[in-house]
N, C-alpha and C. Protein backbone atom coordinates (compact mmCIF):
# COMPACT_ATOMS: atom_id res chain seq x y z
N MET A 1 1.03 -1.38 -0.03
CA MET A 1 0.02 -0.06 0.21
C MET A 1 0.97 1.42 0.27
N GLU A 2 0.58 2.10 -0.96
CA GLU A 2 1.24 3.15 -0.80
C GLU A 2 0.64 4.34 -0.38
N ARG A 3 1.32 5.03 0.77
CA ARG A 3 0.26 6.09 1.35
C ARG A 3 0.60 7.32 0.72
N LYS A 4 -0.50 8.32 0.95
CA LYS A 4 -0.07 9.64 0.31
C LYS A 4 1.02 9.68 1.04
N GLY A 5 1.89 10.58 0.78
CA GLY A 5 2.91 11.44 1.23
C GLY A 5 4.21 10.69 1.96
N PHE A 6 4.00 8.91 1.75
CA PHE A 6 4.78 7.96 2.28
C PHE A 6 6.23 8.17 1.50
N GLU A 7 6.58 8.84 0.47
CA GLU A 7 7.90 9.21 0.36
C GLU A 7 8.67 10.05 1.05
N ASN A 8 7.88 11.23 1.05
CA ASN A 8 8.59 11.66 2.62
C ASN A 8 8.52 11.26 3.65
N ALA A 9 8.17 10.68 4.48
CA ALA A 9 8.39 9.75 5.86
C ALA A 9 9.13 8.93 5.42
N LYS A 10 9.17 8.17 4.40
CA LYS A 10 10.39 6.92 4.32
C LYS A 10 11.60 7.67 4.11
N ARG A 11 12.10 9.01 3.43
CA ARG A 11 12.86 9.60 3.89
C ARG A 11 13.66 9.94 5.03
N GLU A 12 12.32 10.50 5.50
CA GLU A 12 12.61 10.88 7.13
C GLU A 12 13.14 9.39 7.87
N LEU A 13 12.45 8.52 8.30
CA LEU A 13 12.78 7.20 8.45
C LEU A 13 14.11 6.68 8.32
N GLU A 14 14.21 6.63 7.04
CA GLU A 14 15.65 6.47 6.69
C GLU A 14 16.95 7.69 7.34
N LYS A 15 16.66 8.38 7.31
CA LYS A 15 17.40 9.60 8.15
C LYS A 15 17.75 8.96 9.66
N LEU A 16 16.39 8.77 10.21
CA LEU A 16 16.55 8.66 11.70
C LEU A 16 17.04 7.07 12.33
N PHE A 17 16.91 6.68 11.15
CA PHE A 17 17.01 4.74 11.78
C PHE A 17 18.23 4.15 10.90
N GLN A 18 18.55 4.65 9.42
CA GLN A 18 19.57 4.07 8.66
C GLN A 18 19.09 2.82 8.55
N ASP A 19 20.02 1.95 8.94
CA ASP A 19 20.23 0.49 8.56
C ASP A 19 19.18 -0.23 9.65
N ARG A 20 18.49 0.59 10.26
CA ARG A 20 17.04 -0.31 10.97
C ARG A 20 16.49 0.10 10.85
N VAL A 21 15.64 0.33 9.57
CA VAL A 21 14.40 0.64 8.96
C VAL A 21 14.46 -0.50 7.76
N ARG A 22 13.33 -1.55 7.69
CA ARG A 22 13.43 -1.75 6.42
C ARG A 22 12.10 -1.40 5.47
N PHE A 23 11.90 -1.60 4.12
CA PHE A 23 11.15 -1.16 3.53
C PHE A 23 10.91 -2.33 2.04
N ASP A 24 11.52 -3.42 2.36
CA ASP A 24 11.60 -4.74 1.64
C ASP A 24 10.44 -5.28 1.80
N ARG A 25 9.79 -5.76 0.70
CA ARG A 25 8.32 -6.59 0.69
C ARG A 25 8.66 -7.82 1.41
N ARG A 26 9.71 -8.66 1.43
CA ARG A 26 9.90 -10.07 2.15
C ARG A 26 10.21 -9.93 3.16
N GLU A 27 10.59 -8.93 3.81
CA GLU A 27 10.61 -8.60 5.19
C GLU A 27 9.76 -8.37 6.18
N ARG A 28 8.95 -7.29 5.00
CA ARG A 28 8.02 -6.66 5.89
C ARG A 28 6.62 -7.95 6.02
N LEU A 29 6.75 -8.94 4.54
CA LEU A 29 5.99 -10.00 4.93
C LEU A 29 6.18 -10.75 6.23
N ALA A 30 7.45 -10.86 6.93
CA ALA A 30 7.77 -11.53 7.77
C ALA A 30 6.89 -10.75 9.09
N TYR A 31 6.81 -9.93 9.45
CA TYR A 31 6.37 -9.08 9.98
C TYR A 31 4.65 -8.84 9.74
N SER A 32 3.90 -9.77 8.77
CA SER A 32 2.68 -9.46 8.45
C SER A 32 1.74 -10.67 9.43
N ARG A 33 2.86 -11.39 10.33
CA ARG A 33 2.30 -12.28 11.40
C ARG A 33 3.10 -12.73 12.48
N ASP A 34 2.09 -13.43 13.59
CA ASP A 34 2.73 -13.99 14.59
C ASP A 34 2.78 -15.20 14.53
N LEU A 35 3.00 -16.12 15.37
CA LEU A 35 3.03 -17.73 15.20
C LEU A 35 1.61 -18.32 14.93
N GLY A 36 0.53 -17.34 14.92
CA GLY A 36 -0.95 -18.42 14.68
C GLY A 36 -0.95 -17.97 12.98
N THR A 37 -1.91 -18.67 12.58
CA THR A 37 -2.30 -18.63 11.22
C THR A 37 -3.61 -17.56 10.79
N ILE A 38 -3.68 -16.66 9.91
CA ILE A 38 -4.59 -15.92 10.29
C ILE A 38 -5.83 -16.64 9.10
N PRO A 39 -7.19 -16.88 9.56
CA PRO A 39 -7.87 -17.45 8.43
C PRO A 39 -8.03 -16.74 7.36
N GLU A 40 -8.10 -17.44 6.10
CA GLU A 40 -8.02 -16.50 4.88
C GLU A 40 -9.16 -15.59 4.40
N ALA A 41 -10.34 -15.93 4.99
CA ALA A 41 -11.43 -15.06 5.33
C ALA A 41 -11.28 -13.91 5.64
N LEU A 42 -10.52 -14.08 6.73
CA LEU A 42 -10.12 -12.87 7.90
C LEU A 42 -9.05 -12.15 7.00
N LYS A 43 -8.28 -12.69 6.47
CA LYS A 43 -6.94 -11.61 5.67
C LYS A 43 -7.78 -10.74 4.81
N LYS A 44 -8.93 -11.00 4.05
CA LYS A 44 -9.77 -10.21 3.25
C LYS A 44 -10.01 -8.62 3.73
N THR A 45 -10.05 -8.49 5.04
CA THR A 45 -10.74 -7.77 5.53
C THR A 45 -9.83 -6.48 6.83
N PHE A 46 -8.29 -6.99 6.16
CA PHE A 46 -7.44 -5.58 6.59
C PHE A 46 -6.12 -5.97 5.75
N ASN A 47 -5.05 -4.98 5.94
CA ASN A 47 -4.11 -4.83 5.07
C ASN A 47 -2.88 -5.38 6.74
N PRO A 48 -2.45 -6.74 6.76
CA PRO A 48 -1.39 -7.31 7.60
C PRO A 48 -0.17 -6.71 7.33
N ILE A 49 0.38 -6.50 6.22
CA ILE A 49 1.45 -5.81 5.43
C ILE A 49 1.86 -4.80 6.07
N PRO A 50 3.02 -4.40 6.91
CA PRO A 50 3.18 -3.07 7.00
C PRO A 50 4.05 -2.23 5.77
N ASP A 51 4.05 -0.97 5.75
CA ASP A 51 4.82 -0.10 4.83
C ASP A 51 6.31 -0.16 5.28
N ALA A 52 6.59 -0.58 6.74
CA ALA A 52 7.85 -0.22 6.77
C ALA A 52 8.03 -1.01 8.25
N VAL A 53 9.61 -1.62 8.52
CA VAL A 53 9.56 -2.25 9.60
C VAL A 53 11.14 -0.88 10.22
N VAL A 54 10.50 -0.99 11.88
CA VAL A 54 11.83 0.09 12.37
C VAL A 54 12.05 -0.40 13.24
N GLN A 55 13.49 -0.53 13.74
CA GLN A 55 14.10 -0.98 15.57
C GLN A 55 14.84 -0.05 15.82
N PRO A 56 14.09 0.42 16.96
CA PRO A 56 14.92 1.55 17.58
C PRO A 56 15.53 1.00 18.91
N VAL A 57 16.52 1.71 19.19
CA VAL A 57 17.54 1.32 20.12
C VAL A 57 16.97 1.87 21.56
N SER A 58 16.18 2.76 21.43
CA SER A 58 16.11 3.89 22.64
C SER A 58 14.78 4.66 22.59
N THR A 59 14.22 4.88 24.11
CA THR A 59 12.67 5.62 24.13
C THR A 59 12.78 7.04 23.44
N GLU A 60 13.93 7.49 23.48
CA GLU A 60 14.20 8.62 22.08
C GLU A 60 13.61 8.77 20.56
N GLU A 61 14.28 7.29 20.38
CA GLU A 61 13.97 7.31 18.99
C GLU A 61 12.27 7.25 18.89
N VAL A 62 12.12 6.29 19.90
CA VAL A 62 10.35 5.98 19.75
C VAL A 62 9.81 6.82 19.61
N ARG A 63 9.79 7.92 20.30
CA ARG A 63 9.15 9.34 20.62
C ARG A 63 9.28 9.73 19.27
N GLN A 64 10.72 9.81 18.91
CA GLN A 64 10.85 10.43 16.99
C GLN A 64 9.98 9.87 16.27
N LEU A 65 9.92 8.68 16.22
CA LEU A 65 9.42 7.73 15.45
C LEU A 65 7.66 8.09 15.71
N VAL A 66 7.23 8.21 16.73
CA VAL A 66 5.58 8.43 17.26
C VAL A 66 5.26 10.07 16.49
N LYS A 67 5.95 11.04 16.98
CA LYS A 67 6.03 12.16 16.00
C LYS A 67 5.89 12.02 14.88
N LEU A 68 7.55 11.36 13.89
CA LEU A 68 6.94 11.23 12.76
C LEU A 68 5.34 10.54 12.27
N ALA A 69 4.78 9.67 12.88
CA ALA A 69 3.89 8.73 12.10
C ALA A 69 2.57 9.99 12.72
N ARG A 70 2.60 10.73 13.38
CA ARG A 70 1.43 11.57 13.37
C ARG A 70 1.57 12.40 12.51
N GLN A 71 3.01 12.92 12.58
CA GLN A 71 2.62 13.94 11.31
C GLN A 71 2.12 13.20 10.13
N TYR A 72 2.93 12.37 9.79
CA TYR A 72 2.07 11.71 8.39
C TYR A 72 1.26 10.73 8.42
N GLU A 73 0.22 10.86 9.55
CA GLU A 73 -0.84 9.87 9.56
C GLU A 73 -0.94 8.43 9.43
N ILE A 74 0.26 8.13 9.97
CA ILE A 74 0.64 6.55 9.98
C ILE A 74 0.46 5.46 10.96
N PRO A 75 0.03 4.68 10.77
CA PRO A 75 -0.70 3.66 12.03
C PRO A 75 0.61 2.69 12.65
N LEU A 76 1.34 2.89 13.76
CA LEU A 76 2.23 2.15 14.37
C LEU A 76 1.57 0.97 15.27
N VAL A 77 2.65 -0.02 15.11
CA VAL A 77 1.98 -1.00 15.41
C VAL A 77 3.29 -2.14 16.51
N PRO A 78 3.15 -1.63 17.73
CA PRO A 78 4.46 -2.33 18.70
C PRO A 78 4.22 -3.54 18.53
N ARG A 79 5.59 -4.22 18.26
CA ARG A 79 5.99 -5.54 18.11
C ARG A 79 7.31 -6.22 19.30
N GLY A 80 6.89 -7.14 20.24
CA GLY A 80 7.90 -8.21 20.95
C GLY A 80 8.45 -9.17 19.97
N ALA A 81 8.38 -10.16 20.76
CA ALA A 81 9.21 -11.42 19.64
C ALA A 81 7.66 -11.78 18.62
N ALA A 82 6.50 -11.55 18.81
CA ALA A 82 5.43 -12.11 18.21
C ALA A 82 5.52 -13.59 18.51
N SER A 83 5.85 -14.11 19.70
CA SER A 83 5.59 -15.37 20.06
C SER A 83 3.97 -15.90 20.42
N SER A 84 3.36 -14.97 20.45
CA SER A 84 1.83 -15.13 20.53
C SER A 84 1.23 -15.62 19.41
N GLY A 85 0.03 -16.38 19.35
CA GLY A 85 -1.02 -16.81 17.91
C GLY A 85 -2.08 -16.12 18.38
N TYR A 86 -2.41 -14.63 18.49
CA TYR A 86 -3.46 -14.22 18.24
C TYR A 86 -3.67 -12.53 17.55
N GLY A 87 -2.78 -12.76 16.89
CA GLY A 87 -2.62 -11.67 16.01
C GLY A 87 -2.51 -10.49 16.54
N GLY A 88 -1.88 -10.18 17.99
CA GLY A 88 -1.59 -8.87 18.40
C GLY A 88 -0.35 -8.06 17.94
N ALA A 89 0.67 -8.59 17.40
CA ALA A 89 1.64 -7.77 16.97
C ALA A 89 1.26 -7.56 15.14
N VAL A 90 0.21 -7.66 14.68
CA VAL A 90 0.01 -7.80 13.31
C VAL A 90 -0.63 -6.60 12.96
N PRO A 91 -0.34 -6.03 11.78
CA PRO A 91 -1.07 -4.83 11.82
C PRO A 91 -1.96 -4.89 11.17
N VAL A 92 -3.23 -4.15 11.30
CA VAL A 92 -4.40 -4.19 10.59
C VAL A 92 -4.68 -3.17 9.38
N LYS A 93 -3.77 -1.82 9.44
CA LYS A 93 -4.09 -1.13 8.26
C LYS A 93 -2.82 -0.49 7.64
N GLY A 94 -1.30 -1.99 7.44
CA GLY A 94 -0.29 -1.48 7.12
C GLY A 94 0.41 -0.65 7.85
N GLY A 95 0.97 0.41 7.78
CA GLY A 95 1.49 1.58 8.99
C GLY A 95 2.82 0.62 8.69
N ILE A 96 3.16 1.35 10.31
CA ILE A 96 5.26 1.01 10.55
C ILE A 96 4.69 -0.14 11.92
N VAL A 97 5.62 -1.29 11.83
CA VAL A 97 5.85 -2.15 12.77
C VAL A 97 7.19 -1.77 13.68
N ILE A 98 6.82 -1.35 14.82
CA ILE A 98 8.27 -1.02 15.46
C ILE A 98 8.68 -2.14 16.46
N ASP A 99 9.44 -2.94 15.73
CA ASP A 99 10.34 -4.17 16.49
C ASP A 99 10.80 -3.68 17.47
N LEU A 100 11.11 -3.98 18.61
CA LEU A 100 11.42 -3.87 20.19
C LEU A 100 12.67 -4.64 20.22
N VAL A 101 13.00 -5.68 19.55
CA VAL A 101 14.12 -6.31 19.80
C VAL A 101 15.32 -5.63 20.11
N ARG A 102 15.83 -4.67 19.86
CA ARG A 102 17.16 -4.15 19.92
C ARG A 102 16.68 -3.30 21.45
N MET A 103 15.69 -3.14 21.82
CA MET A 103 15.57 -2.17 22.87
C MET A 103 15.52 -3.85 24.42
N ASN A 104 16.60 -4.19 24.50
CA ASN A 104 16.44 -5.60 25.35
C ASN A 104 17.40 -5.39 26.53
N ARG A 105 17.59 -4.59 27.38
CA ARG A 105 18.18 -4.23 28.34
C ARG A 105 17.54 -3.86 29.72
N VAL A 106 18.14 -4.51 30.64
CA VAL A 106 17.45 -4.74 32.24
C VAL A 106 18.45 -3.30 32.79
N ILE A 107 17.70 -2.49 32.66
CA ILE A 107 18.41 -1.36 33.27
C ILE A 107 18.58 -1.03 34.69
N ASN A 108 17.46 -1.59 35.57
CA ASN A 108 17.92 -1.53 36.93
C ASN A 108 16.85 -2.55 37.39
N ILE A 109 17.72 -3.01 38.56
CA ILE A 109 17.13 -4.21 39.83
C ILE A 109 17.33 -3.67 41.04
N ASP A 110 16.07 -3.21 41.80
CA ASP A 110 16.30 -2.59 43.01
C ASP A 110 15.90 -3.89 43.74
N ALA A 111 16.63 -4.56 44.36
CA ALA A 111 16.24 -5.75 45.20
C ALA A 111 15.80 -5.48 46.23
N LYS A 112 15.96 -4.27 47.37
CA LYS A 112 15.51 -4.10 48.42
C LYS A 112 14.07 -3.45 48.26
N GLY A 113 13.59 -2.34 46.92
CA GLY A 113 12.51 -1.95 46.95
C GLY A 113 11.66 -3.05 46.15
N LEU A 114 12.28 -4.32 45.59
CA LEU A 114 11.43 -5.36 44.79
C LEU A 114 11.16 -4.55 43.66
N SER A 115 12.06 -3.98 42.68
CA SER A 115 11.49 -3.12 41.85
C SER A 115 12.37 -3.53 40.67
N LEU A 116 11.92 -3.42 39.37
CA LEU A 116 12.94 -3.15 38.14
C LEU A 116 12.81 -2.54 37.08
N THR A 117 13.81 -1.62 36.30
CA THR A 117 13.26 -1.29 35.28
C THR A 117 13.88 -1.79 33.80
N ALA A 118 13.30 -2.17 32.95
CA ALA A 118 13.73 -3.16 31.91
C ALA A 118 12.96 -2.69 30.82
N GLU A 119 13.73 -2.82 29.28
CA GLU A 119 13.08 -2.34 28.33
C GLU A 119 12.38 -3.44 27.48
N ALA A 120 11.17 -3.11 26.61
CA ALA A 120 10.34 -3.70 26.20
C ALA A 120 10.47 -5.33 25.60
N GLY A 121 12.10 -5.31 24.91
CA GLY A 121 12.36 -5.90 24.24
C GLY A 121 13.46 -7.18 25.01
N VAL A 122 13.32 -7.12 26.05
CA VAL A 122 14.03 -8.27 27.44
C VAL A 122 13.12 -9.42 27.08
N ILE A 123 14.15 -10.60 27.14
CA ILE A 123 13.01 -11.79 26.93
C ILE A 123 12.79 -12.51 28.41
N TRP A 124 11.80 -12.56 28.93
CA TRP A 124 11.38 -12.97 30.63
C TRP A 124 12.19 -14.05 30.72
N GLN A 125 12.96 -14.82 30.19
CA GLN A 125 13.54 -15.93 30.52
C GLN A 125 14.81 -15.27 31.15
N GLU A 126 15.62 -14.50 30.24
CA GLU A 126 16.39 -13.85 30.47
C GLU A 126 16.39 -12.70 31.79
N LEU A 127 15.71 -12.03 31.53
CA LEU A 127 14.74 -11.30 32.82
C LEU A 127 15.20 -12.17 34.60
N ASN A 128 14.28 -13.46 34.17
CA ASN A 128 14.43 -14.10 35.66
C ASN A 128 15.62 -14.39 35.77
N THR A 129 16.78 -15.05 34.86
CA THR A 129 17.76 -15.00 34.91
C THR A 129 18.50 -13.84 36.08
N ALA A 130 18.33 -12.62 35.43
CA ALA A 130 18.96 -11.34 35.72
C ALA A 130 18.58 -11.12 37.73
N LEU A 131 17.42 -11.73 37.91
CA LEU A 131 16.75 -11.33 39.11
C LEU A 131 17.25 -12.09 39.93
N GLU A 132 17.26 -13.51 39.65
CA GLU A 132 18.26 -14.64 40.43
C GLU A 132 19.40 -14.36 41.14
N LYS A 133 20.23 -13.34 40.29
CA LYS A 133 21.72 -12.70 40.50
C LYS A 133 21.62 -11.96 41.88
N HIS A 134 20.53 -11.57 42.16
CA HIS A 134 19.84 -10.57 43.14
C HIS A 134 18.92 -11.46 44.15
N GLY A 135 19.03 -12.87 44.07
CA GLY A 135 17.97 -13.54 44.92
C GLY A 135 16.86 -13.23 44.87
N LEU A 136 16.17 -13.06 43.60
CA LEU A 136 14.87 -12.73 43.31
C LEU A 136 14.49 -13.92 42.31
N GLU A 137 13.21 -13.70 41.86
CA GLU A 137 12.49 -14.29 40.74
C GLU A 137 11.08 -13.89 40.55
N LEU A 138 10.67 -13.95 39.35
CA LEU A 138 9.34 -13.58 39.26
C LEU A 138 8.53 -14.25 39.53
N ARG A 139 7.43 -13.56 39.61
CA ARG A 139 6.18 -14.79 40.37
C ARG A 139 5.08 -14.92 39.35
N LEU A 140 5.29 -13.83 38.64
CA LEU A 140 4.35 -14.12 37.15
C LEU A 140 5.12 -14.16 35.82
N TYR A 141 4.50 -15.20 34.73
CA TYR A 141 5.56 -14.80 33.56
C TYR A 141 4.47 -15.47 32.33
N PRO A 142 4.91 -15.40 30.81
CA PRO A 142 3.84 -16.08 30.31
C PRO A 142 4.95 -17.63 30.02
N THR A 143 3.73 -18.63 29.87
CA THR A 143 4.35 -20.04 29.51
C THR A 143 5.40 -19.96 27.93
N SER A 144 5.60 -18.96 27.18
CA SER A 144 6.37 -18.69 26.36
C SER A 144 7.40 -17.78 26.72
N ALA A 145 7.80 -17.96 28.43
CA ALA A 145 8.94 -17.29 28.64
C ALA A 145 10.34 -16.99 27.64
N PRO A 146 10.41 -18.53 27.43
CA PRO A 146 11.96 -18.78 26.80
C PRO A 146 11.91 -17.60 25.72
N SER A 147 10.63 -17.44 25.22
CA SER A 147 11.16 -16.28 23.74
C SER A 147 10.35 -15.21 23.98
N ALA A 148 9.37 -15.16 24.80
CA ALA A 148 8.41 -13.98 24.81
C ALA A 148 8.96 -12.99 25.22
N THR A 149 8.81 -11.40 25.19
CA THR A 149 9.31 -10.22 25.75
C THR A 149 8.47 -9.69 26.35
N VAL A 150 9.07 -9.00 27.46
CA VAL A 150 8.44 -8.13 28.36
C VAL A 150 7.13 -7.26 27.61
N GLY A 151 7.51 -6.54 26.81
CA GLY A 151 6.65 -5.43 26.05
C GLY A 151 5.45 -6.23 25.26
N GLY A 152 5.82 -7.57 24.55
CA GLY A 152 4.96 -8.03 23.75
C GLY A 152 3.63 -8.75 24.76
N TRP A 153 4.10 -9.23 26.06
CA TRP A 153 3.04 -10.06 26.72
C TRP A 153 2.16 -8.83 27.30
N ILE A 154 3.34 -7.35 27.91
CA ILE A 154 2.35 -6.45 28.41
C ILE A 154 1.19 -5.93 27.62
N ALA A 155 1.48 -5.96 26.10
CA ALA A 155 0.90 -5.44 25.05
C ALA A 155 -0.18 -6.37 25.09
């Protein structure tokens, strides 16, 4: 799908994200699904193929991306590891998929205060391993913890 004014947005995306933005159809097709299979009849009712895929590395880059998307009226679809089978990370109106895989740092673990700060791309199992080093563990996590991300499960 070619959006009105998308060429301008494309140039800005390339400037902001350089090699971390993709427009190649094959790569965009990979982001048009999660682990589940969308029924053929349902596929005809929406556009699951994004116009672009971006991998930000910071909250500042996410802010810039949101600003750009608002300016050009382009839908945004955040995506963790897409280990779900429910379509939650699949676009319905094309747009830009925000692949959070590179935002995968555990920023802080406060063992005394029993809190932590982590980026959306952190995998649950890796987070639990980091907590174990402080004598802590997660009380709740998805069954897909070996591959699911914090951001994806929360979304």
